[in-house]
PDB file of N, CA and C in Angstrom:
ATOM      1  N   UNK A   1     329.360 139.625  61.274  1.00  0.00           N
ATOM      2  CA  UNK A   1     330.457 139.560  62.229  1.00  0.00           C
ATOM      3  C   UNK A   1     330.829 140.961  62.726  1.00  0.00           C
ATOM      4  N   UNK A   2     330.871 141.911  61.791  1.00  0.00           N
ATOM      5  CA  UNK A   2     331.218 143.276  62.170  1.00  0.00           C
ATOM      6  C   UNK A   2     330.149 143.868  63.083  1.00  0.00           C
ATOM      7  N   UNK A   3     328.894 143.507  62.840  1.00  0.00           N
ATOM      8  CA  UNK A   3     327.799 144.011  63.656  1.00  0.00           C
ATOM      9  C   UNK A   3     327.890 143.471  65.084  1.00  0.00           C
ATOM     10  N   UNK A   4     328.255 142.205  65.234  1.00  0.00           N
ATOM     11  CA  UNK A   4     328.385 141.619  66.568  1.00  0.00           C
ATOM     12  C   UNK A   4     329.555 142.226  67.330  1.00  0.00           C
ATOM     13  N   UNK A   5     330.640 142.483  66.638  1.00  0.00           N
ATOM     14  CA  UNK A   5     331.776 143.118  67.315  1.00  0.00           C
ATOM     15  C   UNK A   5     331.430 144.536  67.719  1.00  0.00           C
ATOM     16  N   UNK A   6     330.614 145.216  66.931  1.00  0.00           N
ATOM     17  CA  UNK A   6     330.169 146.557  67.303  1.00  0.00           C
ATOM     18  C   UNK A   6     329.294 146.548  68.539  1.00  0.00           C
ATOM     19  N   UNK A   7     328.447 145.544  68.654  1.00  0.00           N
ATOM     20  CA  UNK A   7     327.605 145.428  69.850  1.00  0.00           C
ATOM     21  C   UNK A   7     328.441 145.110  71.083  1.00  0.00           C
ATOM     22  N   UNK A   8     329.424 144.239  70.920  1.00  0.00           N
ATOM     23  CA  UNK A   8     330.319 143.916  72.022  1.00  0.00           C
ATOM     24  C   UNK A   8     331.071 145.165  72.463  1.00  0.00           C
ATOM     25  N   UNK A   9     331.559 145.914  71.488  1.00  0.00           N
ATOM     26  CA  UNK A   9     332.303 147.139  71.771  1.00  0.00           C
ATOM     27  C   UNK A   9     331.416 148.159  72.475  1.00  0.00           C
ATOM     28  N   UNK A  10     330.181 148.303  72.014  1.00  0.00           N
ATOM     29  CA  UNK A  10     329.251 149.251  72.630  1.00  0.00           C
ATOM     30  C   UNK A  10     328.927 148.850  74.066  1.00  0.00           C
ATOM     31  N   UNK A  11     328.750 147.573  74.299  1.00  0.00           N
ATOM     32  CA  UNK A  11     328.472 147.105  75.653  1.00  0.00           C
ATOM     33  C   UNK A  11     329.644 147.398  76.580  1.00  0.00           C
ATOM     34  N   UNK A  12     330.841 147.140  76.122  1.00  0.00           N
ATOM     35  CA  UNK A  12     332.022 147.366  76.951  1.00  0.00           C
ATOM     36  C   UNK A  12     332.230 148.855  77.234  1.00  0.00           C
ATOM     37  N   UNK A  13     332.048 149.709  76.243  1.00  0.00           N
ATOM     38  CA  UNK A  13     332.221 151.141  76.489  1.00  0.00           C
ATOM     39  C   UNK A  13     331.107 151.686  77.380  1.00  0.00           C
ATOM     40  N   UNK A  14     329.895 151.165  77.246  1.00  0.00           N
ATOM     41  CA  UNK A  14     328.819 151.591  78.142  1.00  0.00           C
ATOM     42  C   UNK A  14     329.110 151.172  79.578  1.00  0.00           C
ATOM     43  N   UNK A  15     329.634 149.979  79.763  1.00  0.00           N
ATOM     44  CA  UNK A  15     330.008 149.547  81.109  1.00  0.00           C
ATOM     45  C   UNK A  15     331.136 150.406  81.681  1.00  0.00           C
ATOM     46  N   UNK A  16     332.072 150.793  80.831  1.00  0.00           N
ATOM     47  CA  UNK A  16     333.148 151.667  81.267  1.00  0.00           C
ATOM     48  C   UNK A  16     332.604 153.030  81.688  1.00  0.00           C
ATOM     49  N   UNK A  17     331.650 153.547  80.934  1.00  0.00           N
ATOM     50  CA  UNK A  17     331.061 154.843  81.271  1.00  0.00           C
ATOM     51  C   UNK A  17     330.232 154.762  82.545  1.00  0.00           C
ATOM     52  N   UNK A  18     329.516 153.681  82.727  1.00  0.00           N
ATOM     53  CA  UNK A  18     328.758 153.502  83.967  1.00  0.00           C
ATOM     54  C   UNK A  18     329.715 153.428  85.150  1.00  0.00           C
ATOM     55  N   UNK A  19     330.831 152.753  84.977  1.00  0.00           N
ATOM     56  CA  UNK A  19     331.828 152.677  86.048  1.00  0.00           C
ATOM     57  C   UNK A  19     332.395 154.061  86.371  1.00  0.00           C
ATOM     58  N   UNK A  20     332.614 154.884  85.353  1.00  0.00           N
ATOM     59  CA  UNK A  20     333.109 156.248  85.597  1.00  0.00           C
ATOM     60  C   UNK A  20     332.089 157.078  86.362  1.00  0.00           C
ATOM     61  N   UNK A  21     330.821 156.976  85.989  1.00  0.00           N
ATOM     62  CA  UNK A  21     329.776 157.750  86.661  1.00  0.00           C
ATOM     63  C   UNK A  21     329.604 157.287  88.099  1.00  0.00           C
ATOM     64  N   UNK A  22     329.579 155.978  88.301  1.00  0.00           N
ATOM     65  CA  UNK A  22     329.408 155.447  89.655  1.00  0.00           C
ATOM     66  C   UNK A  22     330.614 155.786  90.521  1.00  0.00           C
ATOM     67  N   UNK A  23     331.813 155.723  89.952  1.00  0.00           N
ATOM     68  CA  UNK A  23     332.991 156.064  90.750  1.00  0.00           C
ATOM     69  C   UNK A  23     333.018 157.553  91.082  1.00  0.00           C
ATOM     70  N   UNK A  24     332.579 158.407  90.174  1.00  0.00           N
ATOM     71  CA  UNK A  24     332.513 159.836  90.469  1.00  0.00           C
ATOM     72  C   UNK A  24     331.516 160.109  91.590  1.00  0.00           C
ATOM     73  N   UNK A  25     330.351 159.475  91.506  1.00  0.00           N
ATOM     74  CA  UNK A  25     329.360 159.646  92.570  1.00  0.00           C
ATOM     75  C   UNK A  25     329.861 159.075  93.886  1.00  0.00           C
ATOM     76  N   UNK A  26     330.502 157.918  93.830  1.00  0.00           N
ATOM     77  CA  UNK A  26     331.022 157.308  95.048  1.00  0.00           C
ATOM     78  C   UNK A  26     332.120 158.130  95.697  1.00  0.00           C
ATOM     79  N   UNK A  27     332.994 158.675  94.881  1.00  0.00           N
ATOM     80  CA  UNK A  27     334.075 159.502  95.429  1.00  0.00           C
ATOM     81  C   UNK A  27     333.521 160.765  96.064  1.00  0.00           C
ATOM     82  N   UNK A  28     332.532 161.383  95.417  1.00  0.00           N
ATOM     83  CA  UNK A  28     331.966 162.596  96.002  1.00  0.00           C
ATOM     84  C   UNK A  28     331.234 162.286  97.304  1.00  0.00           C
ATOM     85  N   UNK A  29     330.536 161.170  97.369  1.00  0.00           N
ATOM     86  CA  UNK A  29     329.865 160.782  98.613  1.00  0.00           C
ATOM     87  C   UNK A  29     330.891 160.432  99.685  1.00  0.00           C
ATOM     88  N   UNK A  30     331.948 159.722  99.300  1.00  0.00           N
ATOM     89  CA  UNK A  30     332.984 159.337 100.254  1.00  0.00           C
ATOM     90  C   UNK A  30     333.647 160.567 100.855  1.00  0.00           C
ATOM     91  N   UNK A  31     334.052 161.523 100.006  1.00  0.00           N
ATOM     92  CA  UNK A  31     334.713 162.710 100.524  1.00  0.00           C
ATOM     93  C   UNK A  31     333.767 163.558 101.364  1.00  0.00           C
ATOM     94  N   UNK A  32     332.500 163.554 101.012  1.00  0.00           N
ATOM     95  CA  UNK A  32     331.528 164.295 101.813  1.00  0.00           C
ATOM     96  C   UNK A  32     331.430 163.690 103.213  1.00  0.00           C
ATOM     97  N   UNK A  33     331.352 162.362 103.292  1.00  0.00           N
ATOM     98  CA  UNK A  33     331.229 161.713 104.595  1.00  0.00           C
ATOM     99  C   UNK A  33     332.528 161.776 105.388  1.00  0.00           C
ATOM    100  N   UNK A  34     333.649 161.595 104.723  1.00  0.00           N
ATOM    101  CA  UNK A  34     334.940 161.639 105.430  1.00  0.00           C
ATOM    102  C   UNK A  34     335.184 163.038 105.969  1.00  0.00           C
ATOM    103  N   UNK A  35     334.931 164.037 105.171  1.00  0.00           N
ATOM    104  CA  UNK A  35     335.206 165.386 105.622  1.00  0.00           C
ATOM    105  C   UNK A  35     334.231 165.824 106.708  1.00  0.00           C
ATOM    106  N   UNK A  36     333.005 165.337 106.671  1.00  0.00           N
ATOM    107  CA  UNK A  36     332.074 165.657 107.745  1.00  0.00           C
ATOM    108  C   UNK A  36     332.460 164.957 109.042  1.00  0.00           C
ATOM    109  N   UNK A  37     333.030 163.756 108.953  1.00  0.00           N
ATOM    110  CA  UNK A  37     333.398 163.026 110.171  1.00  0.00           C
ATOM    111  C   UNK A  37     334.697 163.531 110.783  1.00  0.00           C
ATOM    112  N   UNK A  38     335.583 164.115 109.989  1.00  0.00           N
ATOM    113  CA  UNK A  38     336.856 164.599 110.523  1.00  0.00           C
ATOM    114  C   UNK A  38     336.891 166.119 110.609  1.00  0.00           C
ATOM    115  N   UNK A  39     335.733 166.748 110.530  1.00  0.00           N
ATOM    116  CA  UNK A  39     335.705 168.207 110.525  1.00  0.00           C
ATOM    117  C   UNK A  39     336.266 168.782 111.828  1.00  0.00           C
ATOM    118  N   UNK A  40     335.924 168.196 112.954  1.00  0.00           N
ATOM    119  CA  UNK A  40     336.348 168.727 114.244  1.00  0.00           C
ATOM    120  C   UNK A  40     337.679 168.155 114.722  1.00  0.00           C
ATOM    121  N   UNK A  41     338.187 167.165 114.033  1.00  0.00           N
ATOM    122  CA  UNK A  41     339.439 166.551 114.451  1.00  0.00           C
ATOM    123  C   UNK A  41     340.575 167.069 113.576  1.00  0.00           C
ATOM    124  N   UNK A  42     341.754 167.036 114.105  1.00  0.00           N
ATOM    125  CA  UNK A  42     342.919 167.500 113.376  1.00  0.00           C
ATOM    126  C   UNK A  42     343.657 166.283 112.830  1.00  0.00           C
ATOM    127  N   UNK A  43     343.173 165.731 111.741  1.00  0.00           N
ATOM    128  CA  UNK A  43     343.754 164.521 111.176  1.00  0.00           C
ATOM    129  C   UNK A  43     344.565 164.834 109.930  1.00  0.00           C
ATOM    130  N   UNK A  44     345.344 163.871 109.532  1.00  0.00           N
ATOM    131  CA  UNK A  44     346.179 163.999 108.354  1.00  0.00           C
ATOM    132  C   UNK A  44     345.345 164.152 107.085  1.00  0.00           C
ATOM    133  N   UNK A  45     344.177 163.511 107.046  1.00  0.00           N
ATOM    134  CA  UNK A  45     343.337 163.579 105.852  1.00  0.00           C
ATOM    135  C   UNK A  45     342.893 165.001 105.580  1.00  0.00           C
ATOM    136  N   UNK A  46     342.455 165.699 106.612  1.00  0.00           N
ATOM    137  CA  UNK A  46     341.998 167.069 106.415  1.00  0.00           C
ATOM    138  C   UNK A  46     343.152 167.995 106.064  1.00  0.00           C
ATOM    139  N   UNK A  47     344.348 167.695 106.564  1.00  0.00           N
ATOM    140  CA  UNK A  47     345.498 168.517 106.203  1.00  0.00           C
ATOM    141  C   UNK A  47     345.945 168.263 104.774  1.00  0.00           C
ATOM    142  N   UNK A  48     345.855 167.011 104.330  1.00  0.00           N
ATOM    143  CA  UNK A  48     346.261 166.699 102.968  1.00  0.00           C
ATOM    144  C   UNK A  48     345.305 167.277 101.938  1.00  0.00           C
ATOM    145  N   UNK A  49     344.016 167.239 102.236  1.00  0.00           N
ATOM    146  CA  UNK A  49     343.031 167.704 101.274  1.00  0.00           C
ATOM    147  C   UNK A  49     342.824 169.215 101.323  1.00  0.00           C
ATOM    148  N   UNK A  50     343.218 169.853 102.411  1.00  0.00           N
ATOM    149  CA  UNK A  50     343.061 171.298 102.587  1.00  0.00           C
ATOM    150  C   UNK A  50     341.628 171.740 102.367  1.00  0.00           C
ATOM    151  N   UNK A  51     340.696 170.893 102.730  1.00  0.00           N
ATOM    152  CA  UNK A  51     339.283 171.215 102.551  1.00  0.00           C
ATOM    153  C   UNK A  51     338.548 170.937 103.839  1.00  0.00           C
ATOM    154  N   UNK A  52     337.541 171.713 104.092  1.00  0.00           N
ATOM    155  CA  UNK A  52     336.685 171.465 105.245  1.00  0.00           C
ATOM    156  C   UNK A  52     335.455 170.674 104.857  1.00  0.00           C
ATOM    157  N   UNK A  53     334.982 170.852 103.621  1.00  0.00           N
ATOM    158  CA  UNK A  53     333.742 170.211 103.231  1.00  0.00           C
ATOM    159  C   UNK A  53     333.654 170.174 101.709  1.00  0.00           C
ATOM    160  N   UNK A  54     333.041 169.146 101.198  1.00  0.00           N
ATOM    161  CA  UNK A  54     332.719 169.076  99.778  1.00  0.00           C
ATOM    162  C   UNK A  54     331.229 169.355  99.655  1.00  0.00           C
ATOM    163  N   UNK A  55     330.900 170.427  98.985  1.00  0.00           N
ATOM    164  CA  UNK A  55     329.496 170.822  98.934  1.00  0.00           C
ATOM    165  C   UNK A  55     328.727 169.974  97.933  1.00  0.00           C
ATOM    166  N   UNK A  56     327.434 170.018  98.056  1.00  0.00           N
ATOM    167  CA  UNK A  56     326.568 169.303  97.120  1.00  0.00           C
ATOM    168  C   UNK A  56     326.668 169.899  95.724  1.00  0.00           C
ATOM    169  N   UNK A  57     326.912 171.184  95.647  1.00  0.00           N
ATOM    170  CA  UNK A  57     327.051 171.844  94.349  1.00  0.00           C
ATOM    171  C   UNK A  57     328.284 171.331  93.606  1.00  0.00           C
ATOM    172  N   UNK A  58     329.370 171.134  94.330  1.00  0.00           N
ATOM    173  CA  UNK A  58     330.579 170.610  93.689  1.00  0.00           C
ATOM    174  C   UNK A  58     330.381 169.177  93.214  1.00  0.00           C
ATOM    175  N   UNK A  59     329.666 168.396  93.988  1.00  0.00           N
ATOM    176  CA  UNK A  59     329.356 167.031  93.557  1.00  0.00           C
ATOM    177  C   UNK A  59     328.462 167.042  92.330  1.00  0.00           C
ATOM    178  N   UNK A  60     327.503 167.946  92.302  1.00  0.00           N
ATOM    179  CA  UNK A  60     326.621 168.078  91.142  1.00  0.00           C
ATOM    180  C   UNK A  60     327.365 168.515  89.899  1.00  0.00           C
ATOM    181  N   UNK A  61     328.312 169.427  90.055  1.00  0.00           N
ATOM    182  CA  UNK A  61     329.119 169.874  88.910  1.00  0.00           C
ATOM    183  C   UNK A  61     329.975 168.722  88.394  1.00  0.00           C
ATOM    184  N   UNK A  62     330.543 167.947  89.300  1.00  0.00           N
ATOM    185  CA  UNK A  62     331.358 166.800  88.884  1.00  0.00           C
ATOM    186  C   UNK A  62     330.511 165.790  88.112  1.00  0.00           C
ATOM    187  N   UNK A  63     329.314 165.506  88.613  1.00  0.00           N
ATOM    188  CA  UNK A  63     328.448 164.551  87.926  1.00  0.00           C
ATOM    189  C   UNK A  63     327.920 165.106  86.608  1.00  0.00           C
ATOM    190  N   UNK A  64     327.588 166.393  86.581  1.00  0.00           N
ATOM    191  CA  UNK A  64     327.088 166.958  85.322  1.00  0.00           C
ATOM    192  C   UNK A  64     328.192 167.080  84.274  1.00  0.00           C
ATOM    193  N   UNK A  65     329.438 167.114  84.696  1.00  0.00           N
ATOM    194  CA  UNK A  65     330.537 167.131  83.730  1.00  0.00           C
ATOM    195  C   UNK A  65     330.919 165.739  83.255  1.00  0.00           C
ATOM    196  N   UNK A  66     330.663 164.715  84.066  1.00  0.00           N
ATOM    197  CA  UNK A  66     331.034 163.358  83.649  1.00  0.00           C
ATOM    198  C   UNK A  66     330.002 162.775  82.685  1.00  0.00           C
ATOM    199  N   UNK A  67     328.747 163.214  82.745  1.00  0.00           N
ATOM    200  CA  UNK A  67     327.726 162.667  81.850  1.00  0.00           C
ATOM    201  C   UNK A  67     328.005 162.961  80.373  1.00  0.00           C
ATOM    202  N   UNK A  68     328.319 164.200  79.974  1.00  0.00           N
ATOM    203  CA  UNK A  68     328.643 164.415  78.547  1.00  0.00           C
ATOM    204  C   UNK A  68     329.899 163.666  78.105  1.00  0.00           C
ATOM    205  N   UNK A  69     330.865 163.572  78.989  1.00  0.00           N
ATOM    206  CA  UNK A  69     332.082 162.819  78.657  1.00  0.00           C
ATOM    207  C   UNK A  69     331.748 161.357  78.452  1.00  0.00           C
ATOM    208  N   UNK A  70     330.882 160.835  79.317  1.00  0.00           N
ATOM    209  CA  UNK A  70     330.505 159.423  79.235  1.00  0.00           C
ATOM    210  C   UNK A  70     329.659 159.128  77.998  1.00  0.00           C
ATOM    211  N   UNK A  71     328.988 160.099  77.441  1.00  0.00           N
ATOM    212  CA  UNK A  71     328.235 159.869  76.204  1.00  0.00           C
ATOM    213  C   UNK A  71     329.075 160.145  74.965  1.00  0.00           C
ATOM    214  N   UNK A  72     330.066 161.014  75.079  1.00  0.00           N
ATOM    215  CA  UNK A  72     330.878 161.349  73.912  1.00  0.00           C
ATOM    216  C   UNK A  72     331.969 160.317  73.657  1.00  0.00           C
ATOM    217  N   UNK A  73     332.550 159.772  74.704  1.00  0.00           N
ATOM    218  CA  UNK A  73     333.657 158.825  74.546  1.00  0.00           C
ATOM    219  C   UNK A  73     333.241 157.562  73.777  1.00  0.00           C
ATOM    220  N   UNK A  74     332.088 156.916  74.100  1.00  0.00           N
ATOM    221  CA  UNK A  74     331.707 155.750  73.289  1.00  0.00           C
ATOM    222  C   UNK A  74     331.441 156.100  71.823  1.00  0.00           C
ATOM    223  N   UNK A  75     330.859 157.271  71.593  1.00  0.00           N
ATOM    224  CA  UNK A  75     330.639 157.697  70.209  1.00  0.00           C
ATOM    225  C   UNK A  75     331.959 157.865  69.478  1.00  0.00           C
ATOM    226  N   UNK A  76     332.907 158.517  70.114  1.00  0.00           N
ATOM    227  CA  UNK A  76     334.209 158.744  69.487  1.00  0.00           C
ATOM    228  C   UNK A  76     334.961 157.439  69.255  1.00  0.00           C
ATOM    229  N   UNK A  77     334.941 156.544  70.240  1.00  0.00           N
ATOM    230  CA  UNK A  77     335.626 155.261  70.082  1.00  0.00           C
ATOM    231  C   UNK A  77     334.965 154.400  69.005  1.00  0.00           C
ATOM    232  N   UNK A  78     333.635 154.406  68.974  1.00  0.00           N
ATOM    233  CA  UNK A  78     332.929 153.654  67.933  1.00  0.00           C
ATOM    234  C   UNK A  78     333.187 154.224  66.544  1.00  0.00           C
ATOM    235  N   UNK A  79     333.237 155.546  66.460  1.00  0.00           N
ATOM    236  CA  UNK A  79     333.516 156.183  65.175  1.00  0.00           C
ATOM    237  C   UNK A  79     334.915 155.834  64.674  1.00  0.00           C
ATOM    238  N   UNK A  80     335.898 155.882  65.557  1.00  0.00           N
ATOM    239  CA  UNK A  80     337.253 155.559  65.113  1.00  0.00           C
ATOM    240  C   UNK A  80     337.389 154.081  64.744  1.00  0.00           C
ATOM    241  N   UNK A  81     336.711 153.204  65.488  1.00  0.00           N
ATOM    242  CA  UNK A  81     336.780 151.774  65.158  1.00  0.00           C
ATOM    243  C   UNK A  81     336.120 151.493  63.807  1.00  0.00           C
ATOM    244  N   UNK A  82     334.978 152.113  63.558  1.00  0.00           N
ATOM    245  CA  UNK A  82     334.309 151.908  62.272  1.00  0.00           C
ATOM    246  C   UNK A  82     335.109 152.525  61.134  1.00  0.00           C
ATOM    247  N   UNK A  83     335.715 153.670  61.384  1.00  0.00           N
ATOM    248  CA  UNK A  83     336.535 154.311  60.363  1.00  0.00           C
ATOM    249  C   UNK A  83     337.729 153.435  59.997  1.00  0.00           C
ATOM    250  N   UNK A  84     338.376 152.864  61.001  1.00  0.00           N
ATOM    251  CA  UNK A  84     339.516 151.980  60.732  1.00  0.00           C
ATOM    252  C   UNK A  84     339.083 150.730  59.974  1.00  0.00           C
ATOM    253  N   UNK A  85     337.925 150.191  60.327  1.00  0.00           N
ATOM    254  CA  UNK A  85     337.441 148.992  59.636  1.00  0.00           C
ATOM    255  C   UNK A  85     337.116 149.299  58.181  1.00  0.00           C
ATOM    256  N   UNK A  86     336.489 150.422  57.938  1.00  0.00           N
ATOM    257  CA  UNK A  86     336.166 150.779  56.550  1.00  0.00           C
ATOM    258  C   UNK A  86     337.415 151.140  55.760  1.00  0.00           C
ATOM    259  N   UNK A  87     338.360 151.789  56.392  1.00  0.00           N
ATOM    260  CA  UNK A  87     339.602 152.120  55.709  1.00  0.00           C
ATOM    261  C   UNK A  87     340.409 150.863  55.408  1.00  0.00           C
ATOM    262  N   UNK A  88     340.295 149.859  56.250  1.00  0.00           N
ATOM    263  CA  UNK A  88     340.955 148.591  56.000  1.00  0.00           C
ATOM    264  C   UNK A  88     340.402 147.940  54.732  1.00  0.00           C
ATOM    265  N   UNK A  89     339.091 148.018  54.523  1.00  0.00           N
ATOM    266  CA  UNK A  89     338.511 147.433  53.311  1.00  0.00           C
ATOM    267  C   UNK A  89     338.961 148.209  52.072  1.00  0.00           C
ATOM    268  N   UNK A  90     339.092 149.526  52.180  1.00  0.00           N
ATOM    269  CA  UNK A  90     339.593 150.316  51.046  1.00  0.00           C
ATOM    270  C   UNK A  90     341.033 149.947  50.746  1.00  0.00           C
ATOM    271  N   UNK A  91     341.828 149.731  51.768  1.00  0.00           N
ATOM    272  CA  UNK A  91     343.218 149.339  51.572  1.00  0.00           C
ATOM    273  C   UNK A  91     343.311 147.969  50.901  1.00  0.00           C
ATOM    274  N   UNK A  92     342.438 147.041  51.274  1.00  0.00           N
ATOM    275  CA  UNK A  92     342.436 145.725  50.629  1.00  0.00           C
ATOM    276  C   UNK A  92     342.090 145.832  49.159  1.00  0.00           C
ATOM    277  N   UNK A  93     341.077 146.620  48.832  1.00  0.00           N
ATOM    278  CA  UNK A  93     340.706 146.800  47.424  1.00  0.00           C
ATOM    279  C   UNK A  93     341.858 147.428  46.652  1.00  0.00           C
ATOM    280  N   UNK A  94     342.532 148.393  47.236  1.00  0.00           N
ATOM    281  CA  UNK A  94     343.663 149.033  46.583  1.00  0.00           C
ATOM    282  C   UNK A  94     344.792 148.034  46.337  1.00  0.00           C
ATOM    283  N   UNK A  95     345.075 147.195  47.300  1.00  0.00           N
ATOM    284  CA  UNK A  95     346.132 146.178  47.115  1.00  0.00           C
ATOM    285  C   UNK A  95     345.754 145.154  46.082  1.00  0.00           C
ATOM    286  N   UNK A  96     344.480 144.730  46.082  1.00  0.00           N
ATOM    287  CA  UNK A  96     344.045 143.755  45.077  1.00  0.00           C
ATOM    288  C   UNK A  96     344.098 144.334  43.683  1.00  0.00           C
ATOM    289  N   UNK A  97     343.829 145.643  43.571  1.00  0.00           N
ATOM    290  CA  UNK A  97     343.868 146.284  42.262  1.00  0.00           C
ATOM    291  C   UNK A  97     345.289 146.453  41.740  1.00  0.00           C
ATOM    292  N   UNK A  98     346.256 146.559  42.627  1.00  0.00           N
ATOM    293  CA  UNK A  98     347.629 146.789  42.192  1.00  0.00           C
ATOM    294  C   UNK A  98     348.470 145.524  42.182  1.00  0.00           C
ATOM    295  N   UNK A  99     347.866 144.356  42.400  1.00  0.00           N
ATOM    296  CA  UNK A  99     348.606 143.090  42.387  1.00  0.00           C
ATOM    297  C   UNK A  99     348.958 142.778  40.945  1.00  0.00           C
ATOM    298  N   UNK A 100     350.228 142.485  40.706  1.00  0.00           N
ATOM    299  CA  UNK A 100     350.644 142.105  39.364  1.00  0.00           C
ATOM    300  C   UNK A 100     350.484 140.603  39.180  1.00  0.00           C
ATOM    301  N   UNK A 101     349.962 140.233  38.057  1.00  0.00           N
ATOM    302  CA  UNK A 101     349.668 138.823  37.792  1.00  0.00           C
ATOM    303  C   UNK A 101     350.859 138.110  37.225  1.00  0.00           C
TER     304      UNK A 101
END
């Protein structure tokens, strides 16, 4: 049972990480296209963002920074979940040992 819940948890965290990576890539592509289309116009979007262009290097840095985060977060969440589960079993043994008959 614990093994199946771990697989479910791993699948969900992997999907969450894929969503983060895809959203980071999508946002960088969106801002690149929006800023290129409004470069010559004086629109509110360009005034709010105070940017003329999002370079490919900045998009690459954003993606290269999200990949380690996306691999570390599932490891950390899985480690804490397993630690809590194992500590729960130690707590049960401790309570059973101290039960007065």
